[in-house]
PDB file of N, CA and C in Angstrom:
ATOM      1  N   UNK A   1     -18.900  48.476   6.970  1.00  0.00           N
ATOM      2  CA  UNK A   1     -19.683  48.113   5.823  1.00  0.00           C
ATOM      3  C   UNK A   1     -20.739  47.094   6.238  1.00  0.00           C
ATOM      4  N   UNK A   2     -21.901  47.215   5.703  1.00  0.00           N
ATOM      5  CA  UNK A   2     -22.997  46.336   6.090  1.00  0.00           C
ATOM      6  C   UNK A   2     -23.357  45.391   4.943  1.00  0.00           C
ATOM      7  N   UNK A   3     -23.188  44.095   5.183  1.00  0.00           N
ATOM      8  CA  UNK A   3     -23.549  43.072   4.207  1.00  0.00           C
ATOM      9  C   UNK A   3     -24.845  42.411   4.669  1.00  0.00           C
ATOM     10  N   UNK A   4     -25.855  42.404   3.786  1.00  0.00           N
ATOM     11  CA  UNK A   4     -27.158  41.838   4.130  1.00  0.00           C
ATOM     12  C   UNK A   4     -27.454  40.709   3.154  1.00  0.00           C
ATOM     13  N   UNK A   5     -27.716  39.530   3.698  1.00  0.00           N
ATOM     14  CA  UNK A   5     -28.035  38.356   2.891  1.00  0.00           C
ATOM     15  C   UNK A   5     -29.440  37.898   3.235  1.00  0.00           C
ATOM     16  N   UNK A   6     -30.345  38.075   2.270  1.00  0.00           N
ATOM     17  CA  UNK A   6     -31.739  37.657   2.429  1.00  0.00           C
ATOM     18  C   UNK A   6     -32.372  38.237   3.694  1.00  0.00           C
ATOM     19  N   UNK A   7     -32.110  39.527   3.940  1.00  0.00           N
ATOM     20  CA  UNK A   7     -32.711  40.221   5.075  1.00  0.00           C
ATOM     21  C   UNK A   7     -31.950  40.100   6.378  1.00  0.00           C
ATOM     22  N   UNK A   8     -30.883  39.314   6.422  1.00  0.00           N
ATOM     23  CA  UNK A   8     -30.098  39.132   7.640  1.00  0.00           C
ATOM     24  C   UNK A   8     -28.764  39.860   7.504  1.00  0.00           C
ATOM     25  N   UNK A   9     -28.464  40.746   8.444  1.00  0.00           N
ATOM     26  CA  UNK A   9     -27.181  41.444   8.435  1.00  0.00           C
ATOM     27  C   UNK A   9     -26.094  40.490   8.905  1.00  0.00           C
ATOM     28  N   UNK A  10     -25.070  40.337   8.074  1.00  0.00           N
ATOM     29  CA  UNK A  10     -23.968  39.430   8.385  1.00  0.00           C
ATOM     30  C   UNK A  10     -22.901  40.144   9.200  1.00  0.00           C
ATOM     31  N   UNK A  11     -22.164  39.370   9.967  1.00  0.00           N
ATOM     32  CA  UNK A  11     -20.981  39.880  10.650  1.00  0.00           C
ATOM     33  C   UNK A  11     -20.027  40.427   9.587  1.00  0.00           C
ATOM     34  N   UNK A  12     -19.351  41.541   9.890  1.00  0.00           N
ATOM     35  CA  UNK A  12     -18.388  42.079   8.926  1.00  0.00           C
ATOM     36  C   UNK A  12     -17.337  41.028   8.605  1.00  0.00           C
ATOM     37  N   UNK A  13     -17.111  40.740   7.318  1.00  0.00           N
ATOM     38  CA  UNK A  13     -16.128  39.716   6.962  1.00  0.00           C
ATOM     39  C   UNK A  13     -14.698  40.227   7.140  1.00  0.00           C
ATOM     40  N   UNK A  14     -13.780  39.291   7.348  1.00  0.00           N
ATOM     41  CA  UNK A  14     -12.358  39.627   7.389  1.00  0.00           C
ATOM     42  C   UNK A  14     -11.810  39.793   5.980  1.00  0.00           C
ATOM     43  N   UNK A  15     -12.498  39.184   5.017  1.00  0.00           N
ATOM     44  CA  UNK A  15     -12.044  39.217   3.635  1.00  0.00           C
ATOM     45  C   UNK A  15     -13.260  39.350   2.729  1.00  0.00           C
ATOM     46  N   UNK A  16     -13.168  40.233   1.736  1.00  0.00           N
ATOM     47  CA  UNK A  16     -14.236  40.401   0.762  1.00  0.00           C
ATOM     48  C   UNK A  16     -13.611  40.668  -0.597  1.00  0.00           C
ATOM     49  N   UNK A  17     -14.115  39.979  -1.621  1.00  0.00           N
ATOM     50  CA  UNK A  17     -13.651  40.265  -2.974  1.00  0.00           C
ATOM     51  C   UNK A  17     -14.825  40.182  -3.937  1.00  0.00           C
ATOM     52  N   UNK A  18     -14.682  40.912  -5.043  1.00  0.00           N
ATOM     53  CA  UNK A  18     -15.700  40.924  -6.086  1.00  0.00           C
ATOM     54  C   UNK A  18     -14.989  40.605  -7.394  1.00  0.00           C
ATOM     55  N   UNK A  19     -15.461  39.560  -8.053  1.00  0.00           N
ATOM     56  CA  UNK A  19     -14.849  39.105  -9.292  1.00  0.00           C
ATOM     57  C   UNK A  19     -15.859  39.254 -10.428  1.00  0.00           C
ATOM     58  N   UNK A  20     -15.397  39.727 -11.573  1.00  0.00           N
ATOM     59  CA  UNK A  20     -16.244  39.832 -12.761  1.00  0.00           C
ATOM     60  C   UNK A  20     -16.115  38.548 -13.570  1.00  0.00           C
ATOM     61  N   UNK A  21     -17.248  37.967 -13.950  1.00  0.00           N
ATOM     62  CA  UNK A  21     -17.254  36.749 -14.753  1.00  0.00           C
ATOM     63  C   UNK A  21     -18.000  37.057 -16.050  1.00  0.00           C
ATOM     64  N   UNK A  22     -17.331  36.782 -17.155  1.00  0.00           N
ATOM     65  CA  UNK A  22     -17.919  37.031 -18.461  1.00  0.00           C
ATOM     66  C   UNK A  22     -18.269  35.691 -19.098  1.00  0.00           C
ATOM     67  N   UNK A  23     -19.515  35.571 -19.542  1.00  0.00           N
ATOM     68  CA  UNK A  23     -19.941  34.374 -20.256  1.00  0.00           C
ATOM     69  C   UNK A  23     -19.921  34.700 -21.741  1.00  0.00           C
ATOM     70  N   UNK A  24     -19.145  33.960 -22.477  1.00  0.00           N
ATOM     71  CA  UNK A  24     -19.003  34.204 -23.903  1.00  0.00           C
ATOM     72  C   UNK A  24     -17.567  33.954 -24.304  1.00  0.00           C
ATOM     73  N   UNK A  25     -17.201  34.458 -25.469  1.00  0.00           N
ATOM     74  CA  UNK A  25     -15.846  34.203 -25.959  1.00  0.00           C
ATOM     75  C   UNK A  25     -15.496  35.221 -27.024  1.00  0.00           C
ATOM     76  N   UNK A  26     -14.249  35.177 -27.455  1.00  0.00           N
ATOM     77  CA  UNK A  26     -13.786  35.972 -28.575  1.00  0.00           C
ATOM     78  C   UNK A  26     -13.849  35.111 -29.830  1.00  0.00           C
ATOM     79  N   UNK A  27     -14.266  35.709 -30.931  1.00  0.00           N
ATOM     80  CA  UNK A  27     -14.383  34.995 -32.195  1.00  0.00           C
ATOM     81  C   UNK A  27     -13.506  35.672 -33.240  1.00  0.00           C
ATOM     82  N   UNK A  28     -12.886  34.865 -34.074  1.00  0.00           N
ATOM     83  CA  UNK A  28     -12.124  35.401 -35.192  1.00  0.00           C
ATOM     84  C   UNK A  28     -13.015  35.378 -36.420  1.00  0.00           C
ATOM     85  N   UNK A  29     -13.180  36.528 -37.046  1.00  0.00           N
ATOM     86  CA  UNK A  29     -14.031  36.615 -38.233  1.00  0.00           C
ATOM     87  C   UNK A  29     -13.275  36.099 -39.449  1.00  0.00           C
ATOM     88  N   UNK A  30     -13.992  35.888 -40.531  1.00  0.00           N
ATOM     89  CA  UNK A  30     -13.359  35.391 -41.757  1.00  0.00           C
ATOM     90  C   UNK A  30     -12.359  36.394 -42.296  1.00  0.00           C
ATOM     91  N   UNK A  31     -12.550  37.667 -42.005  1.00  0.00           N
ATOM     92  CA  UNK A  31     -11.620  38.698 -42.454  1.00  0.00           C
ATOM     93  C   UNK A  31     -10.417  38.856 -41.535  1.00  0.00           C
ATOM     94  N   UNK A  32     -10.348  38.049 -40.468  1.00  0.00           N
ATOM     95  CA  UNK A  32      -9.209  38.104 -39.561  1.00  0.00           C
ATOM     96  C   UNK A  32      -9.405  39.015 -38.359  1.00  0.00           C
ATOM     97  N   UNK A  33     -10.541  39.659 -38.278  1.00  0.00           N
ATOM     98  CA  UNK A  33     -10.822  40.514 -37.125  1.00  0.00           C
ATOM     99  C   UNK A  33     -11.255  39.685 -35.921  1.00  0.00           C
ATOM    100  N   UNK A  34     -11.250  40.320 -34.803  1.00  0.00           N
ATOM    101  CA  UNK A  34     -11.686  39.643 -33.578  1.00  0.00           C
ATOM    102  C   UNK A  34     -12.918  40.357 -33.044  1.00  0.00           C
ATOM    103  N   UNK A  35     -13.921  39.554 -32.698  1.00  0.00           N
ATOM    104  CA  UNK A  35     -15.151  40.092 -32.126  1.00  0.00           C
ATOM    105  C   UNK A  35     -15.411  39.421 -30.793  1.00  0.00           C
ATOM    106  N   UNK A  36     -16.007  40.166 -29.925  1.00  0.00           N
ATOM    107  CA  UNK A  36     -16.421  39.592 -28.642  1.00  0.00           C
ATOM    108  C   UNK A  36     -17.876  39.182 -28.746  1.00  0.00           C
ATOM    109  N   UNK A  37     -18.138  37.954 -28.377  1.00  0.00           N
ATOM    110  CA  UNK A  37     -19.513  37.455 -28.328  1.00  0.00           C
ATOM    111  C   UNK A  37     -19.857  37.253 -26.857  1.00  0.00           C
ATOM    112  N   UNK A  38     -20.195  38.339 -26.193  1.00  0.00           N
ATOM    113  CA  UNK A  38     -20.480  38.309 -24.763  1.00  0.00           C
ATOM    114  C   UNK A  38     -21.970  38.066 -24.564  1.00  0.00           C
ATOM    115  N   UNK A  39     -22.285  37.018 -23.804  1.00  0.00           N
ATOM    116  CA  UNK A  39     -23.682  36.679 -23.516  1.00  0.00           C
ATOM    117  C   UNK A  39     -24.136  37.290 -22.205  1.00  0.00           C
ATOM    118  N   UNK A  40     -23.219  37.371 -21.238  1.00  0.00           N
ATOM    119  CA  UNK A  40     -23.604  37.921 -19.937  1.00  0.00           C
ATOM    120  C   UNK A  40     -22.364  38.345 -19.166  1.00  0.00           C
ATOM    121  N   UNK A  41     -22.536  39.326 -18.308  1.00  0.00           N
ATOM    122  CA  UNK A  41     -21.497  39.752 -17.368  1.00  0.00           C
ATOM    123  C   UNK A  41     -22.102  39.658 -15.975  1.00  0.00           C
ATOM    124  N   UNK A  42     -21.491  38.867 -15.141  1.00  0.00           N
ATOM    125  CA  UNK A  42     -22.000  38.637 -13.789  1.00  0.00           C
ATOM    126  C   UNK A  42     -20.893  38.879 -12.769  1.00  0.00           C
ATOM    127  N   UNK A  43     -21.281  39.011 -11.512  1.00  0.00           N
ATOM    128  CA  UNK A  43     -20.328  39.182 -10.420  1.00  0.00           C
ATOM    129  C   UNK A  43     -20.342  37.957  -9.511  1.00  0.00           C
ATOM    130  N   UNK A  44     -19.196  37.680  -8.953  1.00  0.00           N
ATOM    131  CA  UNK A  44     -19.064  36.654  -7.928  1.00  0.00           C
ATOM    132  C   UNK A  44     -18.478  37.342  -6.710  1.00  0.00           C
ATOM    133  N   UNK A  45     -19.150  37.218  -5.579  1.00  0.00           N
ATOM    134  CA  UNK A  45     -18.709  37.857  -4.333  1.00  0.00           C
ATOM    135  C   UNK A  45     -18.213  36.778  -3.374  1.00  0.00           C
ATOM    136  N   UNK A  46     -17.055  37.009  -2.794  1.00  0.00           N
ATOM    137  CA  UNK A  46     -16.508  36.055  -1.827  1.00  0.00           C
ATOM    138  C   UNK A  46     -16.316  36.773  -0.497  1.00  0.00           C
ATOM    139  N   UNK A  47     -16.888  36.163   0.546  1.00  0.00           N
ATOM    140  CA  UNK A  47     -16.781  36.707   1.899  1.00  0.00           C
ATOM    141  C   UNK A  47     -16.170  35.644   2.794  1.00  0.00           C
ATOM    142  N   UNK A  48     -15.233  36.042   3.634  1.00  0.00           N
ATOM    143  CA  UNK A  48     -14.580  35.098   4.527  1.00  0.00           C
ATOM    144  C   UNK A  48     -14.488  35.642   5.946  1.00  0.00           C
ATOM    145  N   UNK A  49     -14.668  34.744   6.892  1.00  0.00           N
ATOM    146  CA  UNK A  49     -14.597  35.104   8.304  1.00  0.00           C
ATOM    147  C   UNK A  49     -13.587  34.213   9.009  1.00  0.00           C
ATOM    148  N   UNK A  50     -12.826  34.793   9.930  1.00  0.00           N
ATOM    149  CA  UNK A  50     -11.830  34.033  10.687  1.00  0.00           C
ATOM    150  C   UNK A  50     -12.376  33.497  12.001  1.00  0.00           C
ATOM    151  N   UNK A  51     -13.316  34.210  12.608  1.00  0.00           N
ATOM    152  CA  UNK A  51     -13.797  33.803  13.936  1.00  0.00           C
ATOM    153  C   UNK A  51     -15.285  34.084  14.091  1.00  0.00           C
ATOM    154  N   UNK A  52     -16.102  33.199  13.547  1.00  0.00           N
ATOM    155  CA  UNK A  52     -17.542  33.317  13.731  1.00  0.00           C
ATOM    156  C   UNK A  52     -17.978  32.498  14.935  1.00  0.00           C
ATOM    157  N   UNK A  53     -18.921  33.029  15.690  1.00  0.00           N
ATOM    158  CA  UNK A  53     -19.500  32.245  16.779  1.00  0.00           C
ATOM    159  C   UNK A  53     -20.381  31.163  16.180  1.00  0.00           C
ATOM    160  N   UNK A  54     -20.787  30.231  16.992  1.00  0.00           N
ATOM    161  CA  UNK A  54     -21.652  29.152  16.536  1.00  0.00           C
ATOM    162  C   UNK A  54     -22.969  29.705  15.990  1.00  0.00           C
ATOM    163  N   UNK A  55     -23.522  30.711  16.629  1.00  0.00           N
ATOM    164  CA  UNK A  55     -24.771  31.328  16.167  1.00  0.00           C
ATOM    165  C   UNK A  55     -24.588  31.966  14.800  1.00  0.00           C
ATOM    166  N   UNK A  56     -23.501  32.713  14.615  1.00  0.00           N
ATOM    167  CA  UNK A  56     -23.233  33.356  13.328  1.00  0.00           C
ATOM    168  C   UNK A  56     -23.009  32.315  12.232  1.00  0.00           C
ATOM    169  N   UNK A  57     -22.292  31.265  12.561  1.00  0.00           N
ATOM    170  CA  UNK A  57     -22.052  30.189  11.601  1.00  0.00           C
ATOM    171  C   UNK A  57     -23.368  29.507  11.222  1.00  0.00           C
ATOM    172  N   UNK A  58     -24.193  29.220  12.202  1.00  0.00           N
ATOM    173  CA  UNK A  58     -25.483  28.565  11.940  1.00  0.00           C
ATOM    174  C   UNK A  58     -26.393  29.423  11.064  1.00  0.00           C
ATOM    175  N   UNK A  59     -26.296  30.734  11.180  1.00  0.00           N
ATOM    176  CA  UNK A  59     -27.065  31.632  10.316  1.00  0.00           C
ATOM    177  C   UNK A  59     -26.679  31.413   8.857  1.00  0.00           C
ATOM    178  N   UNK A  60     -25.375  31.303   8.583  1.00  0.00           N
ATOM    179  CA  UNK A  60     -24.918  31.056   7.216  1.00  0.00           C
ATOM    180  C   UNK A  60     -25.379  29.687   6.715  1.00  0.00           C
ATOM    181  N   UNK A  61     -25.297  28.673   7.577  1.00  0.00           N
ATOM    182  CA  UNK A  61     -25.718  27.324   7.197  1.00  0.00           C
ATOM    183  C   UNK A  61     -27.211  27.301   6.868  1.00  0.00           C
ATOM    184  N   UNK A  62     -28.004  28.014   7.644  1.00  0.00           N
ATOM    185  CA  UNK A  62     -29.445  28.093   7.393  1.00  0.00           C
ATOM    186  C   UNK A  62     -29.717  28.687   6.018  1.00  0.00           C
ATOM    187  N   UNK A  63     -29.019  29.766   5.669  1.00  0.00           N
ATOM    188  CA  UNK A  63     -29.188  30.389   4.346  1.00  0.00           C
ATOM    189  C   UNK A  63     -28.760  29.416   3.246  1.00  0.00           C
ATOM    190  N   UNK A  64     -27.641  28.732   3.468  1.00  0.00           N
ATOM    191  CA  UNK A  64     -27.128  27.771   2.496  1.00  0.00           C
ATOM    192  C   UNK A  64     -28.114  26.620   2.283  1.00  0.00           C
ATOM    193  N   UNK A  65     -28.709  26.132   3.355  1.00  0.00           N
ATOM    194  CA  UNK A  65     -29.622  24.989   3.277  1.00  0.00           C
ATOM    195  C   UNK A  65     -30.976  25.316   2.655  1.00  0.00           C
ATOM    196  N   UNK A  66     -31.263  26.595   2.419  1.00  0.00           N
ATOM    197  CA  UNK A  66     -32.519  26.962   1.766  1.00  0.00           C
ATOM    198  C   UNK A  66     -32.564  26.466   0.321  1.00  0.00           C
ATOM    199  N   UNK A  67     -31.394  26.275  -0.294  1.00  0.00           N
ATOM    200  CA  UNK A  67     -31.307  25.797  -1.681  1.00  0.00           C
ATOM    201  C   UNK A  67     -32.156  26.622  -2.640  1.00  0.00           C
ATOM    202  N   UNK A  68     -32.083  27.930  -2.489  1.00  0.00           N
ATOM    203  CA  UNK A  68     -32.828  28.835  -3.358  1.00  0.00           C
ATOM    204  C   UNK A  68     -32.001  30.098  -3.570  1.00  0.00           C
ATOM    205  N   UNK A  69     -32.492  30.979  -4.395  1.00  0.00           N
ATOM    206  CA  UNK A  69     -31.794  32.245  -4.606  1.00  0.00           C
ATOM    207  C   UNK A  69     -32.036  33.163  -3.410  1.00  0.00           C
ATOM    208  N   UNK A  70     -31.058  34.039  -3.172  1.00  0.00           N
ATOM    209  CA  UNK A  70     -31.110  34.968  -2.047  1.00  0.00           C
ATOM    210  C   UNK A  70     -30.800  36.380  -2.537  1.00  0.00           C
ATOM    211  N   UNK A  71     -31.256  37.360  -1.807  1.00  0.00           N
ATOM    212  CA  UNK A  71     -30.933  38.753  -2.108  1.00  0.00           C
ATOM    213  C   UNK A  71     -29.683  39.147  -1.338  1.00  0.00           C
ATOM    214  N   UNK A  72     -28.736  39.781  -2.023  1.00  0.00           N
ATOM    215  CA  UNK A  72     -27.486  40.239  -1.413  1.00  0.00           C
ATOM    216  C   UNK A  72     -27.394  41.742  -1.594  1.00  0.00           C
ATOM    217  N   UNK A  73     -27.202  42.470  -0.468  1.00  0.00           N
ATOM    218  CA  UNK A  73     -27.202  43.928  -0.494  1.00  0.00           C
ATOM    219  C   UNK A  73     -26.007  44.470   0.268  1.00  0.00           C
ATOM    220  N   UNK A  74     -25.359  45.460  -0.327  1.00  0.00           N
ATOM    221  CA  UNK A  74     -24.371  46.286   0.356  1.00  0.00           C
ATOM    222  C   UNK A  74     -24.486  47.672  -0.255  1.00  0.00           C
ATOM    223  N   UNK A  75     -25.113  48.594   0.464  1.00  0.00           N
ATOM    224  CA  UNK A  75     -25.376  49.922  -0.090  1.00  0.00           C
ATOM    225  C   UNK A  75     -24.094  50.724  -0.290  1.00  0.00           C
ATOM    226  N   UNK A  76     -23.069  50.497   0.530  1.00  0.00           N
ATOM    227  CA  UNK A  76     -21.801  51.216   0.372  1.00  0.00           C
ATOM    228  C   UNK A  76     -21.162  50.937  -0.984  1.00  0.00           C
ATOM    229  N   UNK A  77     -21.328  49.721  -1.492  1.00  0.00           N
ATOM    230  CA  UNK A  77     -20.730  49.320  -2.767  1.00  0.00           C
ATOM    231  C   UNK A  77     -21.755  49.276  -3.901  1.00  0.00           C
ATOM    232  N   UNK A  78     -22.952  49.791  -3.652  1.00  0.00           N
ATOM    233  CA  UNK A  78     -24.046  49.801  -4.633  1.00  0.00           C
ATOM    234  C   UNK A  78     -24.372  48.396  -5.149  1.00  0.00           C
ATOM    235  N   UNK A  79     -24.402  47.431  -4.237  1.00  0.00           N
ATOM    236  CA  UNK A  79     -24.749  46.052  -4.586  1.00  0.00           C
ATOM    237  C   UNK A  79     -26.167  45.771  -4.106  1.00  0.00           C
ATOM    238  N   UNK A  80     -27.000  45.339  -5.013  1.00  0.00           N
ATOM    239  CA  UNK A  80     -28.340  44.873  -4.686  1.00  0.00           C
ATOM    240  C   UNK A  80     -28.705  43.865  -5.779  1.00  0.00           C
ATOM    241  N   UNK A  81     -28.495  42.592  -5.496  1.00  0.00           N
ATOM    242  CA  UNK A  81     -28.603  41.582  -6.537  1.00  0.00           C
ATOM    243  C   UNK A  81     -29.122  40.265  -5.977  1.00  0.00           C
ATOM    244  N   UNK A  82     -29.475  39.359  -6.866  1.00  0.00           N
ATOM    245  CA  UNK A  82     -29.930  38.029  -6.489  1.00  0.00           C
ATOM    246  C   UNK A  82     -28.795  37.043  -6.749  1.00  0.00           C
ATOM    247  N   UNK A  83     -28.552  36.155  -5.775  1.00  0.00           N
ATOM    248  CA  UNK A  83     -27.385  35.268  -5.840  1.00  0.00           C
ATOM    249  C   UNK A  83     -27.744  33.841  -5.426  1.00  0.00           C
ATOM    250  N   UNK A  84     -26.867  32.924  -5.799  1.00  0.00           N
ATOM    251  CA  UNK A  84     -26.825  31.576  -5.248  1.00  0.00           C
ATOM    252  C   UNK A  84     -25.668  31.559  -4.259  1.00  0.00           C
ATOM    253  N   UNK A  85     -25.790  30.774  -3.186  1.00  0.00           N
ATOM    254  CA  UNK A  85     -24.739  30.714  -2.169  1.00  0.00           C
ATOM    255  C   UNK A  85     -24.060  29.340  -2.182  1.00  0.00           C
ATOM    256  N   UNK A  86     -22.745  29.366  -2.117  1.00  0.00           N
ATOM    257  CA  UNK A  86     -21.933  28.165  -1.916  1.00  0.00           C
ATOM    258  C   UNK A  86     -21.103  28.402  -0.660  1.00  0.00           C
ATOM    259  N   UNK A  87     -20.820  27.324   0.062  1.00  0.00           N
ATOM    260  CA  UNK A  87     -20.078  27.428   1.320  1.00  0.00           C
ATOM    261  C   UNK A  87     -18.870  26.528   1.303  1.00  0.00           C
ATOM    262  N   UNK A  88     -17.723  27.056   1.757  1.00  0.00           N
ATOM    263  CA  UNK A  88     -16.525  26.238   1.914  1.00  0.00           C
ATOM    264  C   UNK A  88     -16.645  25.409   3.186  1.00  0.00           C
ATOM    265  N   UNK A  89     -15.744  24.476   3.342  1.00  0.00           N
ATOM    266  CA  UNK A  89     -15.721  23.671   4.555  1.00  0.00           C
ATOM    267  C   UNK A  89     -15.410  24.534   5.775  1.00  0.00           C
ATOM    268  N   UNK A  90     -16.028  24.191   6.865  1.00  0.00           N
ATOM    269  CA  UNK A  90     -15.836  24.898   8.134  1.00  0.00           C
ATOM    270  C   UNK A  90     -14.533  24.454   8.774  1.00  0.00           C
ATOM    271  N   UNK A  91     -13.774  25.411   9.271  1.00  0.00           N
ATOM    272  CA  UNK A  91     -12.569  25.128  10.036  1.00  0.00           C
ATOM    273  C   UNK A  91     -12.820  25.598  11.463  1.00  0.00           C
ATOM    274  N   UNK A  92     -12.769  24.674  12.395  1.00  0.00           N
ATOM    275  CA  UNK A  92     -13.052  24.993  13.801  1.00  0.00           C
ATOM    276  C   UNK A  92     -11.739  25.342  14.496  1.00  0.00           C
ATOM    277  N   UNK A  93     -11.755  26.433  15.217  1.00  0.00           N
ATOM    278  CA  UNK A  93     -10.580  26.885  15.943  1.00  0.00           C
ATOM    279  C   UNK A  93     -10.625  26.306  17.348  1.00  0.00           C
ATOM    280  N   UNK A  94      -9.796  25.324  17.633  1.00  0.00           N
ATOM    281  CA  UNK A  94      -9.851  24.661  18.940  1.00  0.00           C
ATOM    282  C   UNK A  94      -9.411  25.577  20.069  1.00  0.00           C
ATOM    283  N   UNK A  95      -9.912  25.254  21.250  1.00  0.00           N
ATOM    284  CA  UNK A  95      -9.509  25.995  22.438  1.00  0.00           C
ATOM    285  C   UNK A  95     -10.350  27.212  22.743  1.00  0.00           C
ATOM    286  N   UNK A  96     -11.334  27.483  21.913  1.00  0.00           N
ATOM    287  CA  UNK A  96     -12.203  28.630  22.159  1.00  0.00           C
ATOM    288  C   UNK A  96     -13.514  28.132  22.745  1.00  0.00           C
ATOM    289  N   UNK A  97     -14.100  28.860  23.694  1.00  0.00           N
ATOM    290  CA  UNK A  97     -15.276  28.370  24.408  1.00  0.00           C
ATOM    291  C   UNK A  97     -16.509  28.154  23.527  1.00  0.00           C
ATOM    292  N   UNK A  98     -16.697  28.981  22.505  1.00  0.00           N
ATOM    293  CA  UNK A  98     -17.892  28.867  21.669  1.00  0.00           C
ATOM    294  C   UNK A  98     -17.607  28.180  20.344  1.00  0.00           C
ATOM    295  N   UNK A  99     -16.495  27.462  20.238  1.00  0.00           N
ATOM    296  CA  UNK A  99     -16.133  26.798  18.990  1.00  0.00           C
ATOM    297  C   UNK A  99     -16.166  27.778  17.824  1.00  0.00           C
ATOM    298  N   UNK A 100     -15.299  28.771  17.882  1.00  0.00           N
ATOM    299  CA  UNK A 100     -15.230  29.755  16.819  1.00  0.00           C
ATOM    300  C   UNK A 100     -14.886  29.062  15.502  1.00  0.00           C
ATOM    301  N   UNK A 101     -15.514  29.534  14.442  1.00  0.00           N
ATOM    302  CA  UNK A 101     -15.361  28.897  13.142  1.00  0.00           C
ATOM    303  C   UNK A 101     -14.744  29.850  12.136  1.00  0.00           C
ATOM    304  N   UNK A 102     -13.971  29.293  11.235  1.00  0.00           N
ATOM    305  CA  UNK A 102     -13.428  30.002  10.104  1.00  0.00           C
ATOM    306  C   UNK A 102     -14.123  29.433   8.871  1.00  0.00           C
ATOM    307  N   UNK A 103     -14.743  30.288   8.063  1.00  0.00           N
ATOM    308  CA  UNK A 103     -15.512  29.811   6.920  1.00  0.00           C
ATOM    309  C   UNK A 103     -15.572  30.901   5.851  1.00  0.00           C
ATOM    310  N   UNK A 104     -15.807  30.475   4.608  1.00  0.00           N
ATOM    311  CA  UNK A 104     -15.981  31.404   3.490  1.00  0.00           C
ATOM    312  C   UNK A 104     -17.233  31.022   2.719  1.00  0.00           C
ATOM    313  N   UNK A 105     -17.880  32.033   2.144  1.00  0.00           N
ATOM    314  CA  UNK A 105     -19.009  31.773   1.265  1.00  0.00           C
ATOM    315  C   UNK A 105     -18.743  32.446  -0.085  1.00  0.00           C
ATOM    316  N   UNK A 106     -19.314  31.869  -1.113  1.00  0.00           N
ATOM    317  CA  UNK A 106     -19.241  32.442  -2.457  1.00  0.00           C
ATOM    318  C   UNK A 106     -20.667  32.716  -2.916  1.00  0.00           C
ATOM    319  N   UNK A 107     -20.909  33.930  -3.347  1.00  0.00           N
ATOM    320  CA  UNK A 107     -22.231  34.324  -3.821  1.00  0.00           C
ATOM    321  C   UNK A 107     -22.124  34.607  -5.308  1.00  0.00           C
ATOM    322  N   UNK A 108     -22.855  33.843  -6.106  1.00  0.00           N
ATOM    323  CA  UNK A 108     -22.812  33.970  -7.561  1.00  0.00           C
ATOM    324  C   UNK A 108     -24.093  34.623  -8.069  1.00  0.00           C
ATOM    325  N   UNK A 109     -23.913  35.738  -8.735  1.00  0.00           N
ATOM    326  CA  UNK A 109     -25.042  36.471  -9.279  1.00  0.00           C
ATOM    327  C   UNK A 109     -25.765  35.646 -10.341  1.00  0.00           C
ATOM    328  N   UNK A 110     -27.099  35.683 -10.314  1.00  0.00           N
ATOM    329  CA  UNK A 110     -27.835  34.915 -11.319  1.00  0.00           C
ATOM    330  C   UNK A 110     -28.247  35.817 -12.474  1.00  0.00           C
TER     331      UNK A 110
END
């Protein structure tokens, strides 16, 4: 599967999930019925890697440091959307020559 973030093809993640987020709530009407007042339905994508090289990790940090929206594409899953990126703390795997990193990113659809 090919994950592309702002024109850069990412290393295949070890973990990928897609979560549906609904903005809104359920309302009880005066007659006792329940209505959904949905304002928006968005996706949150989570990608995680167990062993990224320093170069691969730095690519993610560069995207994160842009502090702007990014395009996220995966044609296999019919994803082509604009997202904000959040990054978890980096975990460095000791004893490896290139300081392999374990890290996760969260992409929130705007």
